[in-house]
Amino acid sequence: MDRMPKEFKIIVYFVILDIVFLSLFVFKLFDRFHNLLILFSGISIGLLFTVTLVFFLIKKNFSLILFLVIYVLKSLTLIILIFGLMFFKQAAQILANVINVDKFNFYLLMPMIFKSKLYGVIGLFVLLFWSIFTIFLLTRKELTNFFVTKEHPLVNTQRYTVSLLLIYVISLFAISFIMLF
């Protein structure tokens, strides 16, 4: 029995798992490309998630807004990546013109990150679903009331929380297998 809404617990667990997944993904990309910019951007995004999570745990109202902004930006980035993979030839040509490199560099880079375009799109769609679901949880009325009043009635939501976390972990393992190995 807990005195916090299930949305609060689920978001905390999701963010911790997102930080772990991001760390593994950044480490794998750094291992493949040996680029310090990848490592620095991964560390800074991880720190942003961690600092926001700390404020979320001490129930600061601005952390709700910050998490909403982070997850909306994450969703938009995933949408751009999905469309970039779906229209890979055009996206490679546009990016090659913008950064002044040969477009075949992108053809060499894509299999290093994803097994194929289809696997990449499927993995990014699953990540997009969970990102939108987290936005949905962040906007729930029970969570905003919990942040205002700092109290919640005694509830028993362990099965719901554990089942959602189990599905999330399984999908992250599947995405890791699709994208990284």
Protein backbone atom coordinates (compact mmCIF):
# COMPACT_ATOMS: atom_id res chain seq x y z
CA MET A 1 0.00 0.00 0.00
CA ASP A 2 1.35 3.40 -0.99
CA ARG A 3 0.39 6.99 -0.46
CA MET A 4 1.34 8.12 -3.93
CA PRO A 5 -0.44 7.83 -7.26
CA LYS A 6 0.60 5.02 -9.59
CA GLU A 7 1.54 7.59 -12.23
CA PHE A 8 4.23 9.00 -9.96
CA LYS A 9 5.86 5.61 -9.35
CA ILE A 10 5.64 4.58 -12.99
CA ILE A 11 7.23 7.80 -14.22
CA VAL A 12 10.07 7.43 -11.72
CA TYR A 13 10.74 3.85 -12.86
CA PHE A 14 10.42 4.81 -16.55
CA VAL A 15 12.92 7.66 -16.17
CA ILE A 16 15.42 5.43 -14.35
CA LEU A 17 15.10 2.81 -17.10
CA ASP A 18 15.41 5.56 -19.75
CA ILE A 19 18.65 6.74 -18.15
CA VAL A 20 20.02 3.18 -18.11
CA PHE A 21 18.95 2.57 -21.73
CA LEU A 22 20.41 5.91 -22.84
CA SER A 23 23.68 5.14 -21.07
CA LEU A 24 23.99 1.74 -22.74
CA PHE A 25 23.04 3.17 -26.14
CA VAL A 26 25.53 6.06 -25.88
CA PHE A 27 28.27 3.71 -24.70
CA LYS A 28 27.61 1.38 -27.65
CA LEU A 29 27.65 4.30 -30.13
CA PHE A 30 30.84 5.67 -28.56
CA ASP A 31 32.39 2.21 -28.77
CA ARG A 32 31.58 2.03 -32.49
CA PHE A 33 32.49 5.58 -33.54
CA HIS A 34 35.00 6.76 -30.89
CA ASN A 35 33.55 10.27 -31.04
CA LEU A 36 33.70 12.35 -27.87
CA LEU A 37 30.71 14.45 -28.99
CA ILE A 38 28.49 11.35 -28.72
CA LEU A 39 29.78 10.68 -25.21
CA PHE A 40 29.39 14.31 -24.10
CA SER A 41 25.84 14.63 -25.46
CA GLY A 42 24.82 11.35 -23.83
CA ILE A 43 26.24 12.40 -20.47
CA SER A 44 24.55 15.81 -20.63
CA ILE A 45 21.16 14.30 -21.54
CA GLY A 46 21.57 11.74 -18.74
CA LEU A 47 22.40 14.52 -16.26
CA LEU A 48 19.35 16.50 -17.39
CA PHE A 49 17.13 13.47 -16.78
CA THR A 50 18.78 12.80 -13.40
CA VAL A 51 18.49 16.38 -12.11
CA THR A 52 14.88 16.59 -13.22
CA LEU A 53 14.19 13.24 -11.55
CA VAL A 54 15.64 14.49 -8.27
CA PHE A 55 13.35 17.53 -8.36
CA PHE A 56 10.47 15.25 -9.33
CA LEU A 57 11.14 13.03 -6.30
CA ILE A 58 11.02 16.01 -3.94
CA LYS A 59 7.76 17.00 -5.64
CA LYS A 60 8.68 20.36 -7.16
CA ASN A 61 6.02 21.62 -9.57
CA PHE A 62 8.46 22.83 -12.21
CA SER A 63 9.81 19.30 -12.61
CA LEU A 64 6.45 18.25 -14.10
CA ILE A 65 6.76 20.98 -16.72
CA LEU A 66 10.41 20.15 -17.35
CA PHE A 67 9.60 16.46 -17.83
CA LEU A 68 6.79 17.40 -20.21
CA VAL A 69 9.18 19.52 -22.25
CA ILE A 70 11.83 16.77 -22.25
CA TYR A 71 9.42 14.07 -23.35
CA VAL A 72 7.76 16.26 -26.00
CA LEU A 73 11.22 17.03 -27.44
CA LYS A 74 12.08 13.33 -27.26
CA SER A 75 8.86 12.47 -29.13
CA LEU A 76 9.54 15.08 -31.81
CA THR A 77 13.10 13.78 -32.23
CA LEU A 78 11.81 10.23 -32.57
CA ILE A 79 9.26 11.34 -35.17
CA ILE A 80 11.99 13.09 -37.17
CA LEU A 81 14.20 9.99 -36.97
CA ILE A 82 11.31 7.76 -38.06
CA PHE A 83 10.59 9.90 -41.09
CA GLY A 84 14.32 10.12 -41.80
CA LEU A 85 14.51 6.34 -41.90
CA MET A 86 11.29 5.93 -43.87
CA PHE A 87 12.53 8.34 -46.54
CA PHE A 88 16.19 7.48 -46.14
CA LYS A 89 17.41 8.39 -49.63
CA GLN A 90 15.90 11.86 -49.51
CA ALA A 91 17.00 12.45 -45.90
CA ALA A 92 20.55 11.33 -46.70
CA GLN A 93 20.67 13.70 -49.68
CA ILE A 94 19.33 16.64 -47.65
CA LEU A 95 21.74 16.02 -44.76
CA ALA A 96 24.64 15.54 -47.16
CA ASN A 97 23.89 18.91 -48.76
CA VAL A 98 23.54 20.63 -45.39
CA ILE A 99 26.76 19.30 -43.84
CA ASN A 100 28.75 19.11 -47.10
CA VAL A 101 29.61 15.41 -47.00
CA ASP A 102 29.08 12.58 -49.41
CA LYS A 103 25.62 11.02 -49.10
CA PHE A 104 27.13 7.53 -49.10
CA ASN A 105 28.54 8.25 -45.64
CA PHE A 106 24.97 7.95 -44.38
CA TYR A 107 24.55 4.66 -46.23
CA LEU A 108 27.61 3.40 -44.36
CA LEU A 109 26.45 4.86 -41.04
CA MET A 110 22.90 3.51 -40.99
CA PRO A 111 23.75 -0.22 -40.72
CA MET A 112 26.13 0.59 -37.85
CA ILE A 113 23.21 1.96 -35.80
CA PHE A 114 20.29 -0.20 -36.97
CA LYS A 115 20.19 -3.69 -38.45
CA SER A 116 17.96 -2.38 -41.24
CA LYS A 117 15.59 0.46 -41.98
CA LEU A 118 12.59 -1.65 -41.00
CA TYR A 119 14.08 -2.68 -37.65
CA GLY A 120 15.05 0.92 -36.97
CA VAL A 121 11.55 2.20 -37.72
CA ILE A 122 9.96 -0.52 -35.55
CA GLY A 123 12.31 0.23 -32.65
CA LEU A 124 11.76 3.97 -32.92
CA PHE A 125 7.97 3.49 -33.08
CA VAL A 126 8.07 1.49 -29.84
CA LEU A 127 10.16 4.23 -28.19
CA LEU A 128 7.72 6.83 -29.51
CA PHE A 129 4.77 4.93 -28.03
CA TRP A 130 6.38 4.84 -24.58
CA SER A 131 7.33 8.50 -24.82
CA ILE A 132 3.74 9.48 -25.63
CA PHE A 133 2.49 7.20 -22.84
CA THR A 134 4.82 8.98 -20.39
CA ILE A 135 3.45 12.34 -21.55
CA PHE A 136 -0.04 10.98 -20.92
CA LEU A 137 0.96 9.94 -17.39
CA LEU A 138 2.55 13.33 -16.71
CA THR A 139 -0.67 15.13 -17.60
CA ARG A 140 -2.96 13.00 -15.43
CA LYS A 141 -5.04 14.93 -12.90
CA GLU A 142 -4.09 12.62 -10.00
CA LEU A 143 -0.43 13.46 -10.48
CA THR A 144 -0.94 17.22 -10.64
CA ASN A 145 -3.16 17.07 -7.53
CA PHE A 146 -0.47 15.04 -5.76
CA PHE A 147 2.10 17.73 -6.51
CA VAL A 148 -0.22 20.47 -5.22
CA THR A 149 -1.46 18.77 -2.04
CA LYS A 150 1.62 16.55 -1.41
CA GLU A 151 -0.69 13.77 -0.19
CA HIS A 152 -2.68 10.95 -1.71
CA PRO A 153 -5.09 8.35 -0.29
CA LEU A 154 -3.80 4.89 0.48
CA VAL A 155 -3.88 2.77 -2.69
CA ASN A 156 -2.75 -0.67 -3.82
CA THR A 157 -1.44 -0.51 -7.40
CA GLN A 158 1.52 -2.87 -7.31
CA ARG A 159 0.17 -5.27 -9.95
CA TYR A 160 -0.54 -2.45 -12.40
CA THR A 161 2.87 -0.89 -11.84
CA VAL A 162 4.77 -4.17 -12.07
CA SER A 163 2.93 -5.28 -15.21
CA LEU A 164 3.59 -1.96 -16.95
CA LEU A 165 7.24 -2.03 -15.95
CA LEU A 166 7.60 -5.60 -17.15
CA ILE A 167 6.17 -4.69 -20.55
CA TYR A 168 8.45 -1.63 -20.71
CA VAL A 169 11.57 -3.62 -19.83
CA ILE A 170 10.73 -6.31 -22.38
CA SER A 171 10.24 -3.67 -25.07
CA LEU A 172 13.57 -2.00 -24.16
CA PHE A 173 15.33 -5.37 -24.42
CA ALA A 174 13.72 -5.94 -27.82
CA ILE A 175 14.75 -2.46 -28.99
CA SER A 176 18.28 -3.05 -27.73
CA PHE A 177 18.46 -6.27 -29.68
CA ILE A 178 17.01 -4.63 -32.79
CA MET A 179 19.20 -1.54 -32.70
CA LEU A 180 22.44 -2.51 -31.10
CA PHE A 181 23.25 -6.17 -31.65
